[in-house]
PDB file of N, CA and C in Angstrom:
ATOM      1  N   GLU A   1     128.774 141.266 128.699  1.00  0.00           N
ATOM      2  CA  GLU A   1     128.168 141.890 127.534  1.00  0.00           C
ATOM      3  C   GLU A   1     129.226 142.580 126.701  1.00  0.00           C
ATOM      4  N   LEU A   2     129.068 142.481 125.404  1.00  0.00           N
ATOM      5  CA  LEU A   2     129.980 143.114 124.465  1.00  0.00           C
ATOM      6  C   LEU A   2     129.224 144.160 123.656  1.00  0.00           C
ATOM      7  N   LYS A   3     129.908 145.238 123.337  1.00  0.00           N
ATOM      8  CA  LYS A   3     129.306 146.344 122.600  1.00  0.00           C
ATOM      9  C   LYS A   3     129.308 146.060 121.097  1.00  0.00           C
ATOM     10  N   PRO A   4     128.430 146.737 120.344  1.00  0.00           N
ATOM     11  CA  PRO A   4     128.423 146.573 118.893  1.00  0.00           C
ATOM     12  C   PRO A   4     129.806 146.840 118.293  1.00  0.00           C
ATOM     13  N   GLY A   5     130.227 145.962 117.398  1.00  0.00           N
ATOM     14  CA  GLY A   5     131.524 146.103 116.744  1.00  0.00           C
ATOM     15  C   GLY A   5     132.691 145.523 117.519  1.00  0.00           C
ATOM     16  N   GLU A   6     132.490 145.180 118.786  1.00  0.00           N
ATOM     17  CA  GLU A   6     133.574 144.622 119.598  1.00  0.00           C
ATOM     18  C   GLU A   6     133.901 143.205 119.124  1.00  0.00           C
ATOM     19  N   HIS A   7     135.196 142.895 119.052  1.00  0.00           N
ATOM     20  CA  HIS A   7     135.651 141.595 118.553  1.00  0.00           C
ATOM     21  C   HIS A   7     135.740 140.545 119.661  1.00  0.00           C
ATOM     22  N   ILE A   8     135.359 139.328 119.317  1.00  0.00           N
ATOM     23  CA  ILE A   8     135.552 138.165 120.176  1.00  0.00           C
ATOM     24  C   ILE A   8     136.824 137.465 119.732  1.00  0.00           C
ATOM     25  N   PHE A   9     136.984 137.303 118.417  1.00  0.00           N
ATOM     26  CA  PHE A   9     138.179 136.715 117.821  1.00  0.00           C
ATOM     27  C   PHE A   9     138.653 137.612 116.686  1.00  0.00           C
ATOM     28  N   ARG A  10     139.960 137.559 116.437  1.00  0.00           N
ATOM     29  CA  ARG A  10     140.535 138.196 115.253  1.00  0.00           C
ATOM     30  C   ARG A  10     141.347 137.136 114.516  1.00  0.00           C
ATOM     31  N   LYS A  11     141.313 137.210 113.210  1.00  0.00           N
ATOM     32  CA  LYS A  11     142.032 136.237 112.386  1.00  0.00           C
ATOM     33  C   LYS A  11     143.496 136.151 112.814  1.00  0.00           C
ATOM     34  N   GLY A  12     143.976 134.905 113.001  1.00  0.00           N
ATOM     35  CA  GLY A  12     145.368 134.668 113.355  1.00  0.00           C
ATOM     36  C   GLY A  12     145.650 134.606 114.842  1.00  0.00           C
ATOM     37  N   GLU A  13     144.692 135.013 115.682  1.00  0.00           N
ATOM     38  CA  GLU A  13     144.891 134.947 117.130  1.00  0.00           C
ATOM     39  C   GLU A  13     144.572 133.546 117.638  1.00  0.00           C
ATOM     40  N   PRO A  14     145.190 133.143 118.751  1.00  0.00           N
ATOM     41  CA  PRO A  14     144.852 131.834 119.327  1.00  0.00           C
ATOM     42  C   PRO A  14     143.419 131.830 119.858  1.00  0.00           C
ATOM     43  N   VAL A  15     142.789 130.676 119.787  1.00  0.00           N
ATOM     44  CA  VAL A  15     141.431 130.501 120.316  1.00  0.00           C
ATOM     45  C   VAL A  15     141.561 129.948 121.725  1.00  0.00           C
ATOM     46  N   ASP A  16     140.979 130.652 122.699  1.00  0.00           N
ATOM     47  CA  ASP A  16     141.167 130.262 124.092  1.00  0.00           C
ATOM     48  C   ASP A  16     139.913 129.722 124.767  1.00  0.00           C
ATOM     49  N   ALA A  17     138.773 129.728 124.063  1.00  0.00           N
ATOM     50  CA  ALA A  17     137.528 129.278 124.675  1.00  0.00           C
ATOM     51  C   ALA A  17     136.472 129.067 123.604  1.00  0.00           C
ATOM     52  N   VAL A  18     135.388 128.413 124.013  1.00  0.00           N
ATOM     53  CA  VAL A  18     134.193 128.311 123.189  1.00  0.00           C
ATOM     54  C   VAL A  18     133.210 129.343 123.742  1.00  0.00           C
ATOM     55  N   TYR A  19     132.556 130.072 122.861  1.00  0.00           N
ATOM     56  CA  TYR A  19     131.592 131.089 123.268  1.00  0.00           C
ATOM     57  C   TYR A  19     130.211 130.704 122.761  1.00  0.00           C
ATOM     58  N   VAL A  20     129.205 130.822 123.633  1.00  0.00           N
ATOM     59  CA  VAL A  20     127.816 130.551 123.289  1.00  0.00           C
ATOM     60  C   VAL A  20     127.061 131.875 123.356  1.00  0.00           C
ATOM     61  N   VAL A  21     126.303 132.173 122.310  1.00  0.00           N
ATOM     62  CA  VAL A  21     125.549 133.419 122.250  1.00  0.00           C
ATOM     63  C   VAL A  21     124.270 133.285 123.067  1.00  0.00           C
ATOM     64  N   GLU A  22     124.129 134.139 124.077  1.00  0.00           N
ATOM     65  CA  GLU A  22     122.898 134.163 124.869  1.00  0.00           C
ATOM     66  C   GLU A  22     121.901 135.141 124.261  1.00  0.00           C
ATOM     67  N   SER A  23     122.386 136.326 123.870  1.00  0.00           N
ATOM     68  CA  SER A  23     121.528 137.330 123.239  1.00  0.00           C
ATOM     69  C   SER A  23     122.367 138.176 122.293  1.00  0.00           C
ATOM     70  N   GLY A  24     121.697 138.811 121.343  1.00  0.00           N
ATOM     71  CA  GLY A  24     122.400 139.611 120.351  1.00  0.00           C
ATOM     72  C   GLY A  24     122.851 138.742 119.187  1.00  0.00           C
ATOM     73  N   GLU A  25     123.675 139.338 118.311  1.00  0.00           N
ATOM     74  CA  GLU A  25     124.163 138.614 117.146  1.00  0.00           C
ATOM     75  C   GLU A  25     125.647 138.849 116.946  1.00  0.00           C
ATOM     76  N   LEU A  26     126.314 137.843 116.391  1.00  0.00           N
ATOM     77  CA  LEU A  26     127.718 137.946 116.027  1.00  0.00           C
ATOM     78  C   LEU A  26     127.840 137.858 114.519  1.00  0.00           C
ATOM     79  N   SER A  27     128.846 138.521 113.979  1.00  0.00           N
ATOM     80  CA  SER A  27     129.144 138.480 112.563  1.00  0.00           C
ATOM     81  C   SER A  27     130.478 137.767 112.371  1.00  0.00           C
ATOM     82  N   VAL A  28     130.496 136.756 111.498  1.00  0.00           N
ATOM     83  CA  VAL A  28     131.721 136.045 111.164  1.00  0.00           C
ATOM     84  C   VAL A  28     132.187 136.595 109.821  1.00  0.00           C
ATOM     85  N   VAL A  29     133.341 137.255 109.834  1.00  0.00           N
ATOM     86  CA  VAL A  29     133.843 137.942 108.651  1.00  0.00           C
ATOM     87  C   VAL A  29     135.094 137.222 108.143  1.00  0.00           C
ATOM     88  N   LYS A  30     135.055 136.813 106.890  1.00  0.00           N
ATOM     89  CA  LYS A  30     136.176 136.079 106.288  1.00  0.00           C
ATOM     90  C   LYS A  30     136.863 136.945 105.239  1.00  0.00           C
ATOM     91  N   PRO A  31     138.173 136.745 105.080  1.00  0.00           N
ATOM     92  CA  PRO A  31     138.884 137.491 104.041  1.00  0.00           C
ATOM     93  C   PRO A  31     138.592 136.912 102.662  1.00  0.00           C
ATOM     94  N   LEU A  32     138.609 137.778 101.678  1.00  0.00           N
ATOM     95  CA  LEU A  32     138.418 137.380 100.303  1.00  0.00           C
ATOM     96  C   LEU A  32     139.511 138.058  99.489  1.00  0.00           C
ATOM     97  N   ARG A  33     140.402 137.270  98.945  1.00  0.00           N
ATOM     98  CA  ARG A  33     141.528 137.828  98.187  1.00  0.00           C
ATOM     99  C   ARG A  33     141.169 137.855  96.709  1.00  0.00           C
ATOM    100  N   GLN A  34     141.325 139.053  96.132  1.00  0.00           N
ATOM    101  CA  GLN A  34     141.121 139.222  94.700  1.00  0.00           C
ATOM    102  C   GLN A  34     142.374 139.887  94.154  1.00  0.00           C
ATOM    103  N   GLY A  35     143.205 139.093  93.485  1.00  0.00           N
ATOM    104  CA  GLY A  35     144.483 139.625  93.018  1.00  0.00           C
ATOM    105  C   GLY A  35     145.359 139.942  94.214  1.00  0.00           C
ATOM    106  N   GLU A  36     145.826 141.161  94.282  1.00  0.00           N
ATOM    107  CA  GLU A  36     146.680 141.562  95.402  1.00  0.00           C
ATOM    108  C   GLU A  36     145.901 142.250  96.505  1.00  0.00           C
ATOM    109  N   GLU A  37     144.611 142.502  96.282  1.00  0.00           N
ATOM    110  CA  GLU A  37     143.785 143.164  97.272  1.00  0.00           C
ATOM    111  C   GLU A  37     143.040 142.132  98.110  1.00  0.00           C
ATOM    112  N   GLU A  38     142.897 142.452  99.388  1.00  0.00           N
ATOM    113  CA  GLU A  38     142.127 141.578 100.267  1.00  0.00           C
ATOM    114  C   GLU A  38     140.941 142.352 100.812  1.00  0.00           C
ATOM    115  N   GLU A  39     139.752 141.813 100.604  1.00  0.00           N
ATOM    116  CA  GLU A  39     138.535 142.394 101.128  1.00  0.00           C
ATOM    117  C   GLU A  39     137.943 141.410 102.125  1.00  0.00           C
ATOM    118  N   ALA A  40     136.918 141.833 102.802  1.00  0.00           N
ATOM    119  CA  ALA A  40     136.258 140.964 103.768  1.00  0.00           C
ATOM    120  C   ALA A  40     134.767 140.898 103.438  1.00  0.00           C
ATOM    121  N   PHE A  41     134.164 139.756 103.751  1.00  0.00           N
ATOM    122  CA  PHE A  41     132.721 139.625 103.574  1.00  0.00           C
ATOM    123  C   PHE A  41     132.146 138.873 104.761  1.00  0.00           C
ATOM    124  N   GLU A  42     130.900 139.157 105.080  1.00  0.00           N
ATOM    125  CA  GLU A  42     130.240 138.466 106.185  1.00  0.00           C
ATOM    126  C   GLU A  42     129.840 137.079 105.707  1.00  0.00           C
ATOM    127  N   ALA A  43     130.481 136.064 106.269  1.00  0.00           N
ATOM    128  CA  ALA A  43     130.207 134.684 105.883  1.00  0.00           C
ATOM    129  C   ALA A  43     128.908 134.185 106.508  1.00  0.00           C
ATOM    130  N   THR A  44     128.663 134.605 107.746  1.00  0.00           N
ATOM    131  CA  THR A  44     127.443 134.175 108.434  1.00  0.00           C
ATOM    132  C   THR A  44     127.194 135.076 109.633  1.00  0.00           C
ATOM    133  N   ALA A  45     125.980 135.012 110.130  1.00  0.00           N
ATOM    134  CA  ALA A  45     125.612 135.698 111.368  1.00  0.00           C
ATOM    135  C   ALA A  45     125.167 134.629 112.356  1.00  0.00           C
ATOM    136  N   LEU A  46     125.545 134.799 113.605  1.00  0.00           N
ATOM    137  CA  LEU A  46     125.198 133.832 114.654  1.00  0.00           C
ATOM    138  C   LEU A  46     124.296 134.498 115.678  1.00  0.00           C
ATOM    139  N   GLY A  47     123.221 133.823 116.047  1.00  0.00           N
ATOM    140  CA  GLY A  47     122.280 134.360 117.021  1.00  0.00           C
ATOM    141  C   GLY A  47     122.230 133.519 118.278  1.00  0.00           C
ATOM    142  N   PRO A  48     121.260 133.800 119.155  1.00  0.00           N
ATOM    143  CA  PRO A  48     121.129 133.067 120.409  1.00  0.00           C
ATOM    144  C   PRO A  48     121.123 131.548 120.218  1.00  0.00           C
ATOM    145  N   GLY A  49     121.905 130.865 121.032  1.00  0.00           N
ATOM    146  CA  GLY A  49     122.031 129.413 120.962  1.00  0.00           C
ATOM    147  C   GLY A  49     123.194 128.949 120.097  1.00  0.00           C
ATOM    148  N   SER A  50     123.734 129.843 119.285  1.00  0.00           N
ATOM    149  CA  SER A  50     124.876 129.494 118.435  1.00  0.00           C
ATOM    150  C   SER A  50     126.158 129.498 119.266  1.00  0.00           C
ATOM    151  N   TYR A  51     127.155 128.811 118.772  1.00  0.00           N
ATOM    152  CA  TYR A  51     128.451 128.776 119.464  1.00  0.00           C
ATOM    153  C   TYR A  51     129.570 128.901 118.447  1.00  0.00           C
ATOM    154  N   ILE A  52     130.725 129.339 118.938  1.00  0.00           N
ATOM    155  CA  ILE A  52     131.884 129.533 118.068  1.00  0.00           C
ATOM    156  C   ILE A  52     133.158 129.327 118.870  1.00  0.00           C
ATOM    157  N   GLY A  53     134.197 128.850 118.199  1.00  0.00           N
ATOM    158  CA  GLY A  53     135.500 128.655 118.832  1.00  0.00           C
ATOM    159  C   GLY A  53     135.844 127.215 119.116  1.00  0.00           C
ATOM    160  N   GLU A  54     134.889 126.301 118.911  1.00  0.00           N
ATOM    161  CA  GLU A  54     135.117 124.907 119.283  1.00  0.00           C
ATOM    162  C   GLU A  54     136.220 124.247 118.466  1.00  0.00           C
ATOM    163  N   LEU A  55     136.268 124.502 117.172  1.00  0.00           N
ATOM    164  CA  LEU A  55     137.294 123.852 116.348  1.00  0.00           C
ATOM    165  C   LEU A  55     138.693 124.351 116.698  1.00  0.00           C
ATOM    166  N   GLY A  56     138.835 125.643 116.878  1.00  0.00           N
ATOM    167  CA  GLY A  56     140.135 126.195 117.253  1.00  0.00           C
ATOM    168  C   GLY A  56     140.605 125.694 118.597  1.00  0.00           C
ATOM    169  N   LEU A  57     139.680 125.569 119.527  1.00  0.00           N
ATOM    170  CA  LEU A  57     140.038 125.102 120.867  1.00  0.00           C
ATOM    171  C   LEU A  57     140.382 123.613 120.863  1.00  0.00           C
ATOM    172  N   PHE A  58     139.556 122.805 120.235  1.00  0.00           N
ATOM    173  CA  PHE A  58     139.768 121.359 120.256  1.00  0.00           C
ATOM    174  C   PHE A  58     140.977 120.920 119.430  1.00  0.00           C
ATOM    175  N   TYR A  59     141.261 121.646 118.336  1.00  0.00           N
ATOM    176  CA  TYR A  59     142.361 121.261 117.457  1.00  0.00           C
ATOM    177  C   TYR A  59     143.568 122.182 117.571  1.00  0.00           C
ATOM    178  N   ASP A  60     143.566 123.041 118.576  1.00  0.00           N
ATOM    179  CA  ASP A  60     144.683 123.948 118.849  1.00  0.00           C
ATOM    180  C   ASP A  60     145.065 124.750 117.601  1.00  0.00           C
ATOM    181  N   ARG A  61     144.077 125.413 117.026  1.00  0.00           N
ATOM    182  CA  ARG A  61     144.282 126.226 115.832  1.00  0.00           C
ATOM    183  C   ARG A  61     144.107 127.701 116.168  1.00  0.00           C
ATOM    184  N   THR A  62     144.662 128.540 115.326  1.00  0.00           N
ATOM    185  CA  THR A  62     144.386 129.967 115.451  1.00  0.00           C
ATOM    186  C   THR A  62     143.072 130.256 114.736  1.00  0.00           C
ATOM    187  N   CYS A  63     142.500 131.392 115.030  1.00  0.00           N
ATOM    188  CA  CYS A  63     141.227 131.775 114.439  1.00  0.00           C
ATOM    189  C   CYS A  63     141.401 132.033 112.942  1.00  0.00           C
ATOM    190  N   MET A  64     140.471 131.546 112.157  1.00  0.00           N
ATOM    191  CA  MET A  64     140.544 131.674 110.703  1.00  0.00           C
ATOM    192  C   MET A  64     139.768 132.883 110.183  1.00  0.00           C
ATOM    193  N   GLU A  65     139.003 133.563 111.051  1.00  0.00           N
ATOM    194  CA  GLU A  65     138.206 134.703 110.643  1.00  0.00           C
ATOM    195  C   GLU A  65     138.042 135.678 111.801  1.00  0.00           C
ATOM    196  N   ASP A  66     137.542 136.866 111.502  1.00  0.00           N
ATOM    197  CA  ASP A  66     137.205 137.830 112.545  1.00  0.00           C
ATOM    198  C   ASP A  66     135.772 137.566 112.986  1.00  0.00           C
ATOM    199  N   VAL A  67     135.514 137.692 114.280  1.00  0.00           N
ATOM    200  CA  VAL A  67     134.166 137.537 114.813  1.00  0.00           C
ATOM    201  C   VAL A  67     133.898 138.736 115.715  1.00  0.00           C
ATOM    202  N   CYS A  68     132.821 139.467 115.422  1.00  0.00           N
ATOM    203  CA  CYS A  68     132.497 140.653 116.209  1.00  0.00           C
ATOM    204  C   CYS A  68     130.993 140.740 116.431  1.00  0.00           C
ATOM    205  N   VAL A  69     130.603 141.628 117.333  1.00  0.00           N
ATOM    206  CA  VAL A  69     129.187 141.843 117.617  1.00  0.00           C
ATOM    207  C   VAL A  69     128.563 142.565 116.420  1.00  0.00           C
ATOM    208  N   ARG A  70     127.456 142.056 115.957  1.00  0.00           N
ATOM    209  CA  ARG A  70     126.761 142.567 114.762  1.00  0.00           C
ATOM    210  C   ARG A  70     125.620 143.490 115.166  1.00  0.00           C
ATOM    211  N   GLY A  71     125.391 144.505 114.366  1.00  0.00           N
ATOM    212  CA  GLY A  71     124.233 145.372 114.560  1.00  0.00           C
ATOM    213  C   GLY A  71     124.463 146.456 115.600  1.00  0.00           C
ATOM    214  N   GLU A  72     123.375 146.974 116.120  1.00  0.00           N
ATOM    215  CA  GLU A  72     123.401 148.101 117.053  1.00  0.00           C
ATOM    216  C   GLU A  72     123.202 147.694 118.515  1.00  0.00           C
ATOM    217  N   GLU A  73     122.908 146.427 118.769  1.00  0.00           N
ATOM    218  CA  GLU A  73     122.645 145.963 120.131  1.00  0.00           C
ATOM    219  C   GLU A  73     123.859 145.243 120.718  1.00  0.00           C
ATOM    220  N   THR A  74     123.941 145.238 122.032  1.00  0.00           N
ATOM    221  CA  THR A  74     124.996 144.494 122.699  1.00  0.00           C
ATOM    222  C   THR A  74     124.725 142.995 122.563  1.00  0.00           C
ATOM    223  N   ALA A  75     125.745 142.195 122.837  1.00  0.00           N
ATOM    224  CA  ALA A  75     125.603 140.734 122.812  1.00  0.00           C
ATOM    225  C   ALA A  75     126.084 140.174 124.138  1.00  0.00           C
ATOM    226  N   ALA A  76     125.357 139.213 124.673  1.00  0.00           N
ATOM    227  CA  ALA A  76     125.766 138.511 125.888  1.00  0.00           C
ATOM    228  C   ALA A  76     126.229 137.120 125.482  1.00  0.00           C
ATOM    229  N   LEU A  77     127.424 136.737 125.956  1.00  0.00           N
ATOM    230  CA  LEU A  77     128.013 135.457 125.602  1.00  0.00           C
ATOM    231  C   LEU A  77     128.375 134.684 126.865  1.00  0.00           C
ATOM    232  N   TRP A  78     128.317 133.372 126.760  1.00  0.00           N
ATOM    233  CA  TRP A  78     128.846 132.483 127.790  1.00  0.00           C
ATOM    234  C   TRP A  78     130.204 132.019 127.317  1.00  0.00           C
ATOM    235  N   ARG A  79     131.209 132.131 128.166  1.00  0.00           N
ATOM    236  CA  ARG A  79     132.559 131.675 127.839  1.00  0.00           C
ATOM    237  C   ARG A  79     132.782 130.331 128.511  1.00  0.00           C
ATOM    238  N   LEU A  80     133.085 129.303 127.724  1.00  0.00           N
ATOM    239  CA  LEU A  80     133.300 127.950 128.264  1.00  0.00           C
ATOM    240  C   LEU A  80     134.738 127.533 128.075  1.00  0.00           C
TER     241      LEU A  80
END
């Protein structure tokens, strides 16, 4: 179980597994560059049954976005 706000991936880090959401929600946050400033926005939310990390793992890529637990509840994930 992961606590609210806890990160699963951070942008630029290697991807070491695929994670499947059993309960709770994850937030996928992408950078948005405007001029010289960089902001972040929530690109999507992932709930039970969703998975993340497959492209980075299969294609040996680093993570392209931050992924953390969304909301006030914990999230349970399966690590594959």
